[in-house]
PDB file of N, CA and C in Angstrom:
ATOM      1  N   MET A   1      25.660   1.356 -59.793  1.00  0.00           N
ATOM      2  CA  MET A   1      24.387   0.507 -59.804  1.00  0.00           C
ATOM      3  C   MET A   1      24.489  -0.743 -59.082  1.00  0.00           C
ATOM      4  N   GLU A   2      25.672  -1.480 -59.135  1.00  0.00           N
ATOM      5  CA  GLU A   2      25.895  -2.564 -58.422  1.00  0.00           C
ATOM      6  C   GLU A   2      25.739  -2.348 -56.903  1.00  0.00           C
ATOM      7  N   LEU A   3      26.102  -1.311 -56.373  1.00  0.00           N
ATOM      8  CA  LEU A   3      26.119  -1.035 -55.038  1.00  0.00           C
ATOM      9  C   LEU A   3      24.615  -0.689 -54.578  1.00  0.00           C
ATOM     10  N   LEU A   4      23.815  -0.224 -55.401  1.00  0.00           N
ATOM     11  CA  LEU A   4      22.416   0.190 -55.068  1.00  0.00           C
ATOM     12  C   LEU A   4      21.591  -0.976 -54.674  1.00  0.00           C
ATOM     13  N   PHE A   5      21.628  -2.103 -55.344  1.00  0.00           N
ATOM     14  CA  PHE A   5      20.798  -3.269 -54.983  1.00  0.00           C
ATOM     15  C   PHE A   5      21.073  -3.820 -53.616  1.00  0.00           C
ATOM     16  N   PRO A   6      22.387  -4.055 -53.196  1.00  0.00           N
ATOM     17  CA  PRO A   6      22.619  -4.423 -51.804  1.00  0.00           C
ATOM     18  C   PRO A   6      22.107  -3.461 -50.811  1.00  0.00           C
ATOM     19  N   LEU A   7      22.239  -2.184 -50.981  1.00  0.00           N
ATOM     20  CA  LEU A   7      21.899  -1.126 -50.148  1.00  0.00           C
ATOM     21  C   LEU A   7      20.306  -1.107 -49.920  1.00  0.00           C
ATOM     22  N   LEU A   8      19.627  -1.414 -50.983  1.00  0.00           N
ATOM     23  CA  LEU A   8      18.168  -1.471 -50.988  1.00  0.00           C
ATOM     24  C   LEU A   8      17.698  -2.779 -50.208  1.00  0.00           C
ATOM     25  N   ILE A   9      18.380  -3.806 -50.484  1.00  0.00           N
ATOM     26  CA  ILE A   9      17.917  -5.068 -49.582  1.00  0.00           C
ATOM     27  C   ILE A   9      18.256  -4.895 -48.192  1.00  0.00           C
ATOM     28  N   LEU A  10      19.283  -4.159 -47.795  1.00  0.00           N
ATOM     29  CA  LEU A  10      19.761  -3.941 -46.462  1.00  0.00           C
ATOM     30  C   LEU A  10      18.772  -2.962 -45.802  1.00  0.00           C
ATOM     31  N   ALA A  11      18.294  -2.001 -46.562  1.00  0.00           N
ATOM     32  CA  ALA A  11      17.335  -1.000 -46.060  1.00  0.00           C
ATOM     33  C   ALA A  11      15.881  -1.576 -45.709  1.00  0.00           C
ATOM     34  N   LEU A  12      15.597  -2.639 -46.492  1.00  0.00           N
ATOM     35  CA  LEU A  12      14.339  -3.369 -46.216  1.00  0.00           C
ATOM     36  C   LEU A  12      14.655  -4.390 -45.107  1.00  0.00           C
ATOM     37  N   LEU A  13      15.680  -5.017 -44.959  1.00  0.00           N
ATOM     38  CA  LEU A  13      15.759  -6.098 -44.010  1.00  0.00           C
ATOM     39  C   LEU A  13      16.078  -5.517 -42.547  1.00  0.00           C
ATOM     40  N   VAL A  14      16.655  -4.376 -42.345  1.00  0.00           N
ATOM     41  CA  VAL A  14      17.009  -3.798 -41.026  1.00  0.00           C
ATOM     42  C   VAL A  14      15.791  -3.584 -40.372  1.00  0.00           C
ATOM     43  N   PRO A  15      14.759  -2.705 -40.887  1.00  0.00           N
ATOM     44  CA  PRO A  15      13.625  -2.392 -40.075  1.00  0.00           C
ATOM     45  C   PRO A  15      12.805  -3.715 -39.761  1.00  0.00           C
ATOM     46  N   THR A  16      12.687  -4.589 -40.708  1.00  0.00           N
ATOM     47  CA  THR A  16      11.998  -5.907 -40.441  1.00  0.00           C
ATOM     48  C   THR A  16      12.696  -6.585 -39.226  1.00  0.00           C
ATOM     49  N   PHE A  17      14.018  -6.710 -39.285  1.00  0.00           N
ATOM     50  CA  PHE A  17      14.706  -7.383 -38.198  1.00  0.00           C
ATOM     51  C   PHE A  17      14.407  -6.722 -36.838  1.00  0.00           C
ATOM     52  N   LEU A  18      14.490  -5.376 -36.807  1.00  0.00           N
ATOM     53  CA  LEU A  18      14.301  -4.637 -35.520  1.00  0.00           C
ATOM     54  C   LEU A  18      12.898  -4.854 -35.140  1.00  0.00           C
ATOM     55  N   GLY A  19      11.840  -4.958 -35.918  1.00  0.00           N
ATOM     56  CA  GLY A  19      10.488  -5.070 -35.591  1.00  0.00           C
ATOM     57  C   GLY A  19      10.258  -6.489 -34.961  1.00  0.00           C
ATOM     58  N   VAL A  20      10.743  -7.463 -35.595  1.00  0.00           N
ATOM     59  CA  VAL A  20      10.673  -8.842 -35.094  1.00  0.00           C
ATOM     60  C   VAL A  20      11.389  -8.903 -33.817  1.00  0.00           C
ATOM     61  N   ARG A  21      12.537  -8.355 -33.603  1.00  0.00           N
ATOM     62  CA  ARG A  21      13.244  -8.369 -32.293  1.00  0.00           C
ATOM     63  C   ARG A  21      12.330  -7.799 -31.134  1.00  0.00           C
ATOM     64  N   ARG A  22      11.782  -6.535 -31.482  1.00  0.00           N
ATOM     65  CA  ARG A  22      10.954  -5.788 -30.447  1.00  0.00           C
ATOM     66  C   ARG A  22       9.726  -6.720 -30.097  1.00  0.00           C
ATOM     67  N   GLN A  23       9.077  -7.357 -31.126  1.00  0.00           N
ATOM     68  CA  GLN A  23       7.878  -8.106 -30.841  1.00  0.00           C
ATOM     69  C   GLN A  23       8.333  -9.352 -30.001  1.00  0.00           C
ATOM     70  N   LYS A  24       9.558  -9.927 -30.196  1.00  0.00           N
ATOM     71  CA  LYS A  24       9.943 -11.052 -29.347  1.00  0.00           C
ATOM     72  C   LYS A  24      10.161 -10.681 -27.972  1.00  0.00           C
ATOM     73  N   LYS A  25      10.688  -9.453 -27.717  1.00  0.00           N
ATOM     74  CA  LYS A  25      10.809  -8.969 -26.365  1.00  0.00           C
ATOM     75  C   LYS A  25       9.415  -8.818 -25.605  1.00  0.00           C
ATOM     76  N   GLU A  26       8.453  -8.210 -26.369  1.00  0.00           N
ATOM     77  CA  GLU A  26       7.152  -8.077 -25.816  1.00  0.00           C
ATOM     78  C   GLU A  26       6.531  -9.449 -25.507  1.00  0.00           C
ATOM     79  N   MET A  27       6.730 -10.430 -26.444  1.00  0.00           N
ATOM     80  CA  MET A  27       6.142 -11.719 -26.011  1.00  0.00           C
ATOM     81  C   MET A  27       6.805 -12.337 -24.834  1.00  0.00           C
ATOM     82  N   GLN A  28       8.159 -12.040 -24.541  1.00  0.00           N
ATOM     83  CA  GLN A  28       8.759 -12.612 -23.375  1.00  0.00           C
ATOM     84  C   GLN A  28       8.213 -11.903 -22.171  1.00  0.00           C
ATOM     85  N   LYS A  29       7.867 -10.610 -22.283  1.00  0.00           N
ATOM     86  CA  LYS A  29       7.388 -10.079 -21.130  1.00  0.00           C
ATOM     87  C   LYS A  29       5.923 -10.683 -20.747  1.00  0.00           C
ATOM     88  N   VAL A  30       5.175 -10.739 -21.801  1.00  0.00           N
ATOM     89  CA  VAL A  30       3.792 -11.353 -21.701  1.00  0.00           C
ATOM     90  C   VAL A  30       3.796 -12.748 -21.017  1.00  0.00           C
ATOM     91  N   THR A  31       4.768 -13.615 -21.462  1.00  0.00           N
ATOM     92  CA  THR A  31       4.985 -14.961 -20.969  1.00  0.00           C
ATOM     93  C   THR A  31       5.423 -14.890 -19.559  1.00  0.00           C
ATOM     94  N   ALA A  32       6.278 -13.935 -19.218  1.00  0.00           N
ATOM     95  CA  ALA A  32       6.743 -13.855 -17.791  1.00  0.00           C
ATOM     96  C   ALA A  32       5.457 -13.473 -16.900  1.00  0.00           C
ATOM     97  N   LEU A  33       4.728 -12.548 -17.391  1.00  0.00           N
ATOM     98  CA  LEU A  33       3.594 -12.123 -16.660  1.00  0.00           C
ATOM     99  C   LEU A  33       2.626 -13.331 -16.381  1.00  0.00           C
ATOM    100  N   GLN A  34       2.258 -14.035 -17.523  1.00  0.00           N
ATOM    101  CA  GLN A  34       1.406 -15.194 -17.398  1.00  0.00           C
ATOM    102  C   GLN A  34       1.927 -16.240 -16.484  1.00  0.00           C
ATOM    103  N   ASP A  35       3.169 -16.439 -16.511  1.00  0.00           N
ATOM    104  CA  ASP A  35       3.811 -17.437 -15.543  1.00  0.00           C
ATOM    105  C   ASP A  35       3.810 -17.032 -14.072  1.00  0.00           C
ATOM    106  N   SER A  36       3.765 -15.722 -13.817  1.00  0.00           N
ATOM    107  CA  SER A  36       3.884 -15.265 -12.472  1.00  0.00           C
ATOM    108  C   SER A  36       2.563 -14.939 -11.815  1.00  0.00           C
ATOM    109  N   LEU A  37       1.468 -15.168 -12.573  1.00  0.00           N
ATOM    110  CA  LEU A  37       0.086 -14.845 -11.964  1.00  0.00           C
ATOM    111  C   LEU A  37      -0.196 -15.723 -10.868  1.00  0.00           C
ATOM    112  N   ASN A  38      -0.890 -15.222  -9.795  1.00  0.00           N
ATOM    113  CA  ASN A  38      -1.321 -16.066  -8.575  1.00  0.00           C
ATOM    114  C   ASN A  38      -2.706 -15.647  -8.269  1.00  0.00           C
ATOM    115  N   VAL A  39      -3.330 -16.526  -7.599  1.00  0.00           N
ATOM    116  CA  VAL A  39      -4.673 -16.338  -7.122  1.00  0.00           C
ATOM    117  C   VAL A  39      -4.617 -15.138  -5.987  1.00  0.00           C
ATOM    118  N   GLY A  40      -5.480 -14.212  -6.147  1.00  0.00           N
ATOM    119  CA  GLY A  40      -5.514 -13.061  -5.308  1.00  0.00           C
ATOM    120  C   GLY A  40      -4.820 -11.809  -5.922  1.00  0.00           C
ATOM    121  N   ASP A  41      -4.245 -11.897  -7.050  1.00  0.00           N
ATOM    122  CA  ASP A  41      -3.630 -10.832  -7.748  1.00  0.00           C
ATOM    123  C   ASP A  41      -4.691  -9.956  -8.330  1.00  0.00           C
ATOM    124  N   ARG A  42      -4.532  -8.626  -8.235  1.00  0.00           N
ATOM    125  CA  ARG A  42      -5.321  -7.737  -8.938  1.00  0.00           C
ATOM    126  C   ARG A  42      -4.833  -7.435 -10.232  1.00  0.00           C
ATOM    127  N   VAL A  43      -5.538  -7.541 -11.386  1.00  0.00           N
ATOM    128  CA  VAL A  43      -5.004  -7.494 -12.691  1.00  0.00           C
ATOM    129  C   VAL A  43      -6.039  -6.589 -13.524  1.00  0.00           C
ATOM    130  N   ALA A  44      -5.475  -6.160 -14.601  1.00  0.00           N
ATOM    131  CA  ALA A  44      -6.213  -5.373 -15.608  1.00  0.00           C
ATOM    132  C   ALA A  44      -6.152  -6.190 -16.969  1.00  0.00           C
ATOM    133  N   THR A  45      -7.256  -6.365 -17.750  1.00  0.00           N
ATOM    134  CA  THR A  45      -7.316  -6.980 -18.902  1.00  0.00           C
ATOM    135  C   THR A  45      -7.133  -6.070 -20.149  1.00  0.00           C
ATOM    136  N   THR A  46      -6.998  -6.651 -21.286  1.00  0.00           N
ATOM    137  CA  THR A  46      -6.903  -5.767 -22.528  1.00  0.00           C
ATOM    138  C   THR A  46      -7.987  -4.925 -22.737  1.00  0.00           C
ATOM    139  N   ALA A  47      -9.160  -5.381 -22.171  1.00  0.00           N
ATOM    140  CA  ALA A  47     -10.466  -4.554 -22.393  1.00  0.00           C
ATOM    141  C   ALA A  47     -10.550  -3.472 -21.258  1.00  0.00           C
ATOM    142  N   GLY A  48      -9.661  -3.332 -20.285  1.00  0.00           N
ATOM    143  CA  GLY A  48      -9.700  -2.374 -19.253  1.00  0.00           C
ATOM    144  C   GLY A  48     -10.388  -2.813 -18.011  1.00  0.00           C
ATOM    145  N   LEU A  49     -10.893  -4.035 -18.028  1.00  0.00           N
ATOM    146  CA  LEU A  49     -11.526  -4.557 -16.837  1.00  0.00           C
ATOM    147  C   LEU A  49     -10.512  -4.838 -15.705  1.00  0.00           C
ATOM    148  N   HIS A  50     -10.714  -4.261 -14.483  1.00  0.00           N
ATOM    149  CA  HIS A  50      -9.953  -4.542 -13.358  1.00  0.00           C
ATOM    150  C   HIS A  50     -10.681  -5.650 -12.535  1.00  0.00           C
ATOM    151  N   ALA A  51      -9.919  -6.543 -11.969  1.00  0.00           N
ATOM    152  CA  ALA A  51     -10.500  -7.742 -11.350  1.00  0.00           C
ATOM    153  C   ALA A  51      -9.472  -8.419 -10.453  1.00  0.00           C
ATOM    154  N   THR A  52      -9.918  -9.397  -9.710  1.00  0.00           N
ATOM    155  CA  THR A  52      -9.092 -10.101  -8.845  1.00  0.00           C
ATOM    156  C   THR A  52      -9.159 -11.674  -9.335  1.00  0.00           C
ATOM    157  N   ILE A  53      -7.910 -12.272  -9.381  1.00  0.00           N
ATOM    158  CA  ILE A  53      -7.856 -13.608  -9.784  1.00  0.00           C
ATOM    159  C   ILE A  53      -8.385 -14.548  -8.781  1.00  0.00           C
ATOM    160  N   THR A  54      -9.360 -15.412  -9.017  1.00  0.00           N
ATOM    161  CA  THR A  54      -9.727 -16.340  -8.033  1.00  0.00           C
ATOM    162  C   THR A  54      -9.528 -17.820  -8.333  1.00  0.00           C
ATOM    163  N   GLY A  55      -9.036 -18.067  -9.607  1.00  0.00           N
ATOM    164  CA  GLY A  55      -8.703 -19.379 -10.085  1.00  0.00           C
ATOM    165  C   GLY A  55      -7.810 -19.359 -11.243  1.00  0.00           C
ATOM    166  N   LEU A  56      -6.959 -20.294 -11.437  1.00  0.00           N
ATOM    167  CA  LEU A  56      -5.915 -20.331 -12.483  1.00  0.00           C
ATOM    168  C   LEU A  56      -6.033 -21.790 -13.147  1.00  0.00           C
ATOM    169  N   ARG A  57      -6.038 -21.810 -14.330  1.00  0.00           N
ATOM    170  CA  ARG A  57      -5.849 -23.114 -15.111  1.00  0.00           C
ATOM    171  C   ARG A  57      -4.867 -22.940 -16.204  1.00  0.00           C
ATOM    172  N   ASP A  58      -4.640 -23.930 -17.057  1.00  0.00           N
ATOM    173  CA  ASP A  58      -3.491 -23.765 -18.088  1.00  0.00           C
ATOM    174  C   ASP A  58      -3.888 -22.598 -19.055  1.00  0.00           C
ATOM    175  N   ASP A  59      -5.091 -22.543 -19.635  1.00  0.00           N
ATOM    176  CA  ASP A  59      -5.386 -21.594 -20.594  1.00  0.00           C
ATOM    177  C   ASP A  59      -6.364 -20.536 -20.044  1.00  0.00           C
ATOM    178  N   THR A  60      -6.986 -20.678 -18.978  1.00  0.00           N
ATOM    179  CA  THR A  60      -7.997 -19.787 -18.545  1.00  0.00           C
ATOM    180  C   THR A  60      -7.724 -19.271 -17.153  1.00  0.00           C
ATOM    181  N   VAL A  61      -8.476 -18.207 -16.696  1.00  0.00           N
ATOM    182  CA  VAL A  61      -8.288 -17.631 -15.411  1.00  0.00           C
ATOM    183  C   VAL A  61      -9.739 -17.230 -14.930  1.00  0.00           C
ATOM    184  N   ASP A  62      -9.967 -17.367 -13.750  1.00  0.00           N
ATOM    185  CA  ASP A  62     -11.284 -16.884 -13.141  1.00  0.00           C
ATOM    186  C   ASP A  62     -11.086 -15.496 -12.502  1.00  0.00           C
ATOM    187  N   LEU A  63     -11.796 -14.600 -12.944  1.00  0.00           N
ATOM    188  CA  LEU A  63     -11.679 -13.243 -12.432  1.00  0.00           C
ATOM    189  C   LEU A  63     -12.989 -12.796 -11.662  1.00  0.00           C
ATOM    190  N   GLU A  64     -12.772 -12.199 -10.434  1.00  0.00           N
ATOM    191  CA  GLU A  64     -13.904 -11.770  -9.723  1.00  0.00           C
ATOM    192  C   GLU A  64     -13.968 -10.222 -10.028  1.00  0.00           C
ATOM    193  N   ILE A  65     -15.052  -9.897 -10.713  1.00  0.00           N
ATOM    194  CA  ILE A  65     -15.243  -8.516 -11.207  1.00  0.00           C
ATOM    195  C   ILE A  65     -16.017  -7.645 -10.179  1.00  0.00           C
ATOM    196  N   ALA A  66     -16.720  -8.305  -9.290  1.00  0.00           N
ATOM    197  CA  ALA A  66     -17.438  -7.721  -8.192  1.00  0.00           C
ATOM    198  C   ALA A  66     -17.687  -8.818  -7.098  1.00  0.00           C
ATOM    199  N   PRO A  67     -17.955  -8.343  -6.002  1.00  0.00           N
ATOM    200  CA  PRO A  67     -18.070  -9.299  -4.877  1.00  0.00           C
ATOM    201  C   PRO A  67     -19.162 -10.469  -5.313  1.00  0.00           C
ATOM    202  N   GLY A  68     -18.578 -11.633  -5.398  1.00  0.00           N
ATOM    203  CA  GLY A  68     -19.524 -12.805  -5.716  1.00  0.00           C
ATOM    204  C   GLY A  68     -19.722 -13.014  -7.205  1.00  0.00           C
ATOM    205  N   VAL A  69     -19.209 -12.141  -8.106  1.00  0.00           N
ATOM    206  CA  VAL A  69     -19.398 -12.305  -9.486  1.00  0.00           C
ATOM    207  C   VAL A  69     -18.001 -12.760 -10.152  1.00  0.00           C
ATOM    208  N   VAL A  70     -17.981 -14.008 -10.627  1.00  0.00           N
ATOM    209  CA  VAL A  70     -16.711 -14.649 -11.118  1.00  0.00           C
ATOM    210  C   VAL A  70     -16.957 -15.008 -12.501  1.00  0.00           C
ATOM    211  N   THR A  71     -16.083 -14.561 -13.448  1.00  0.00           N
ATOM    212  CA  THR A  71     -16.184 -14.896 -14.855  1.00  0.00           C
ATOM    213  C   THR A  71     -14.986 -15.629 -15.278  1.00  0.00           C
ATOM    214  N   GLU A  72     -14.965 -16.378 -16.329  1.00  0.00           N
ATOM    215  CA  GLU A  72     -13.856 -17.094 -16.880  1.00  0.00           C
ATOM    216  C   GLU A  72     -13.376 -16.385 -18.142  1.00  0.00           C
ATOM    217  N   TRP A  73     -12.012 -16.246 -18.163  1.00  0.00           N
ATOM    218  CA  TRP A  73     -11.344 -15.419 -19.243  1.00  0.00           C
ATOM    219  C   TRP A  73     -10.161 -16.324 -19.764  1.00  0.00           C
ATOM    220  N   SER A  74      -9.728 -15.990 -20.966  1.00  0.00           N
ATOM    221  CA  SER A  74      -8.379 -16.571 -21.476  1.00  0.00           C
ATOM    222  C   SER A  74      -7.366 -15.866 -20.762  1.00  0.00           C
ATOM    223  N   ARG A  75      -6.279 -16.682 -20.480  1.00  0.00           N
ATOM    224  CA  ARG A  75      -5.105 -16.062 -19.695  1.00  0.00           C
ATOM    225  C   ARG A  75      -4.462 -14.891 -20.592  1.00  0.00           C
ATOM    226  N   LEU A  76      -4.666 -15.055 -21.894  1.00  0.00           N
ATOM    227  CA  LEU A  76      -4.005 -14.103 -22.814  1.00  0.00           C
ATOM    228  C   LEU A  76      -4.625 -12.657 -22.641  1.00  0.00           C
ATOM    229  N   VAL A  77      -5.758 -12.484 -22.073  1.00  0.00           N
ATOM    230  CA  VAL A  77      -6.249 -11.141 -21.973  1.00  0.00           C
ATOM    231  C   VAL A  77      -5.702 -10.323 -20.776  1.00  0.00           C
ATOM    232  N   ILE A  78      -4.978 -10.959 -19.890  1.00  0.00           N
ATOM    233  CA  ILE A  78      -4.335 -10.339 -18.719  1.00  0.00           C
ATOM    234  C   ILE A  78      -3.253  -9.337 -19.380  1.00  0.00           C
ATOM    235  N   ARG A  79      -3.430  -8.133 -19.159  1.00  0.00           N
ATOM    236  CA  ARG A  79      -2.462  -7.105 -19.796  1.00  0.00           C
ATOM    237  C   ARG A  79      -1.346  -6.759 -18.745  1.00  0.00           C
ATOM    238  N   GLU A  80      -1.837  -6.568 -17.374  1.00  0.00           N
ATOM    239  CA  GLU A  80      -0.940  -6.168 -16.359  1.00  0.00           C
ATOM    240  C   GLU A  80      -1.477  -6.447 -15.022  1.00  0.00           C
ATOM    241  N   ARG A  81      -0.501  -6.630 -14.065  1.00  0.00           N
ATOM    242  CA  ARG A  81      -0.752  -6.694 -12.606  1.00  0.00           C
ATOM    243  C   ARG A  81      -0.948  -5.427 -12.070  1.00  0.00           C
ATOM    244  N   ILE A  82      -1.932  -5.200 -11.210  1.00  0.00           N
ATOM    245  CA  ILE A  82      -2.165  -3.974 -10.609  1.00  0.00           C
ATOM    246  C   ILE A  82      -1.560  -4.025  -9.237  1.00  0.00           C
ATOM    247  N   GLU A  83      -0.620  -3.210  -8.957  1.00  0.00           N
ATOM    248  CA  GLU A  83       0.021  -3.166  -7.599  1.00  0.00           C
ATOM    249  C   GLU A  83      -0.809  -2.432  -6.634  1.00  0.00           C
ATOM    250  N   GLU A  84      -1.064  -3.014  -5.480  1.00  0.00           N
ATOM    251  CA  GLU A  84      -1.877  -2.269  -4.512  1.00  0.00           C
ATOM    252  C   GLU A  84      -1.080  -1.069  -3.889  1.00  0.00           C
ATOM    253  N   PRO A  85      -1.637   0.080  -3.669  1.00  0.00           N
ATOM    254  CA  PRO A  85      -0.926   1.189  -3.055  1.00  0.00           C
ATOM    255  C   PRO A  85      -0.504   0.806  -1.717  1.00  0.00           C
ATOM    256  N   THR A  86       0.777   1.282  -1.317  1.00  0.00           N
ATOM    257  CA  THR A  86       1.355   1.036  -0.034  1.00  0.00           C
ATOM    258  C   THR A  86       0.754   1.965   0.968  1.00  0.00           C
ATOM    259  N   GLU A  87       0.987   1.834   2.295  1.00  0.00           N
ATOM    260  CA  GLU A  87       0.432   2.820   3.310  1.00  0.00           C
ATOM    261  C   GLU A  87       1.108   4.133   3.052  1.00  0.00           C
ATOM    262  N   THR A  88       2.306   4.183   2.560  1.00  0.00           N
ATOM    263  CA  THR A  88       2.919   5.551   2.356  1.00  0.00           C
ATOM    264  C   THR A  88       2.327   6.210   1.227  1.00  0.00           C
ATOM    265  N   ASP A  89       1.903   5.500   0.167  1.00  0.00           N
ATOM    266  CA  ASP A  89       1.165   6.120  -0.952  1.00  0.00           C
ATOM    267  C   ASP A  89      -0.204   6.768  -0.454  1.00  0.00           C
ATOM    268  N   ASP A  90      -0.821   6.059   0.471  1.00  0.00           N
ATOM    269  CA  ASP A  90      -2.156   6.487   1.048  1.00  0.00           C
ATOM    270  C   ASP A  90      -1.876   7.836   1.828  1.00  0.00           C
ATOM    271  N   LEU A  91      -0.860   7.785   2.692  1.00  0.00           N
ATOM    272  CA  LEU A  91      -0.424   8.969   3.375  1.00  0.00           C
ATOM    273  C   LEU A  91      -0.171  10.234   2.583  1.00  0.00           C
ATOM    274  N   ASP A  92       0.500   9.979   1.490  1.00  0.00           N
ATOM    275  CA  ASP A  92       0.934  11.125   0.492  1.00  0.00           C
ATOM    276  C   ASP A  92      -0.430  11.712  -0.100  1.00  0.00           C
ATOM    277  N   SER A  93      -1.267  10.849  -0.475  1.00  0.00           N
ATOM    278  CA  SER A  93      -2.504  11.421  -1.171  1.00  0.00           C
ATOM    279  C   SER A  93      -3.320  12.061  -0.130  1.00  0.00           C
ATOM    280  N   ILE A  94      -3.349  11.660   1.066  1.00  0.00           N
ATOM    281  CA  ILE A  94      -4.036  12.358   2.145  1.00  0.00           C
ATOM    282  C   ILE A  94      -3.491  13.825   2.418  1.00  0.00           C
ATOM    283  N   SER A  95      -2.108  13.776   2.414  1.00  0.00           N
ATOM    284  CA  SER A  95      -1.544  15.138   2.724  1.00  0.00           C
ATOM    285  C   SER A  95      -1.807  16.054   1.545  1.00  0.00           C
ATOM    286  N   LEU A  96      -1.728  15.547   0.331  1.00  0.00           N
ATOM    287  CA  LEU A  96      -1.963  16.365  -0.839  1.00  0.00           C
ATOM    288  C   LEU A  96      -3.462  16.971  -0.759  1.00  0.00           C
ATOM    289  N   ARG A  97      -4.403  15.969  -0.341  1.00  0.00           N
ATOM    290  CA  ARG A  97      -5.740  16.540  -0.272  1.00  0.00           C
ATOM    291  C   ARG A  97      -5.834  17.632   0.677  1.00  0.00           C
ATOM    292  N   LYS A  98      -5.158  17.401   1.853  1.00  0.00           N
ATOM    293  CA  LYS A  98      -5.161  18.485   2.933  1.00  0.00           C
ATOM    294  C   LYS A  98      -4.611  19.782   2.361  1.00  0.00           C
ATOM    295  N   ASP A  99      -3.531  19.716   1.742  1.00  0.00           N
ATOM    296  CA  ASP A  99      -3.035  21.003   1.166  1.00  0.00           C
ATOM    297  C   ASP A  99      -3.894  21.554   0.151  1.00  0.00           C
ATOM    298  N   ASP A 100      -4.559  20.870  -0.714  1.00  0.00           N
ATOM    299  CA  ASP A 100      -5.481  21.428  -1.655  1.00  0.00           C
ATOM    300  C   ASP A 100      -6.659  22.159  -0.918  1.00  0.00           C
ATOM    301  N   ASN A 101      -7.094  21.658   0.032  1.00  0.00           N
ATOM    302  CA  ASN A 101      -8.230  22.123   0.751  1.00  0.00           C
ATOM    303  C   ASN A 101      -7.848  23.558   1.453  1.00  0.00           C
ATOM    304  N   ALA A 102      -6.681  23.550   1.910  1.00  0.00           N
ATOM    305  CA  ALA A 102      -6.162  24.843   2.594  1.00  0.00           C
ATOM    306  C   ALA A 102      -6.318  26.089   1.692  1.00  0.00           C
ATOM    307  N   ALA A 103      -6.201  25.821   0.400  1.00  0.00           N
ATOM    308  CA  ALA A 103      -6.297  27.069  -0.416  1.00  0.00           C
ATOM    309  C   ALA A 103      -7.657  27.236  -1.141  1.00  0.00           C
ATOM    310  N   SER A 104      -8.541  26.360  -0.817  1.00  0.00           N
ATOM    311  CA  SER A 104      -9.860  26.351  -1.489  1.00  0.00           C
ATOM    312  C   SER A 104     -10.691  27.589  -0.949  1.00  0.00           C
ATOM    313  N   PRO A 105     -11.552  28.216  -1.818  1.00  0.00           N
ATOM    314  CA  PRO A 105     -12.386  29.232  -1.403  1.00  0.00           C
ATOM    315  C   PRO A 105     -13.341  28.922  -0.244  1.00  0.00           C
ATOM    316  N   GLU A 106     -13.678  27.721  -0.071  1.00  0.00           N
ATOM    317  CA  GLU A 106     -14.487  27.246   1.061  1.00  0.00           C
ATOM    318  C   GLU A 106     -13.889  27.399   2.346  1.00  0.00           C
ATOM    319  N   SER A 107     -12.556  27.376   2.384  1.00  0.00           N
ATOM    320  CA  SER A 107     -11.820  27.409   3.684  1.00  0.00           C
ATOM    321  C   SER A 107     -11.607  28.909   4.103  1.00  0.00           C
ATOM    322  N   GLY A 108     -12.030  29.824   3.378  1.00  0.00           N
ATOM    323  CA  GLY A 108     -11.893  31.290   3.694  1.00  0.00           C
ATOM    324  C   GLY A 108     -10.780  31.898   3.003  1.00  0.00           C
ATOM    325  N   ALA A 109      -9.971  31.236   2.255  1.00  0.00           N
ATOM    326  CA  ALA A 109      -8.899  31.876   1.489  1.00  0.00           C
ATOM    327  C   ALA A 109      -9.608  32.657   0.181  1.00  0.00           C
ATOM    328  N   THR A 110      -8.982  33.819  -0.028  1.00  0.00           N
ATOM    329  CA  THR A 110      -9.485  34.619  -1.145  1.00  0.00           C
ATOM    330  C   THR A 110      -8.470  34.687  -2.224  1.00  0.00           C
ATOM    331  N   GLU A 111      -8.800  34.784  -3.471  1.00  0.00           N
ATOM    332  CA  GLU A 111      -7.916  34.844  -4.624  1.00  0.00           C
ATOM    333  C   GLU A 111      -7.782  36.416  -4.959  1.00  0.00           C
ATOM    334  N   HIS A 112      -6.637  36.965  -5.222  1.00  0.00           N
ATOM    335  CA  HIS A 112      -6.490  38.299  -5.721  1.00  0.00           C
ATOM    336  C   HIS A 112      -5.888  38.389  -7.054  1.00  0.00           C
TER     337      HIS A 112
END
């Protein structure tokens, strides 16, 4: 019985400790992202909005959501930076589309 109580306490503290540790790592990632934002970056917000940063202040960010439409948001809503596709990525998608069209029924290929 004396051994049961310390094991129970340990069983409750370990998951709590691991959860706090994971949450701390996530906060460090968010802080690093917030510190690395620059004007011109494409970003996605927690609401799923994709926009371009046009202005930065301590607590807010100006996002251009359409040409000439700029809105002010809290910096905390920035979920991720969207990496622009490289020229190689564009070529890969073009070649995939070309291969897909080669087997389409419109190109004269028939399925058996």
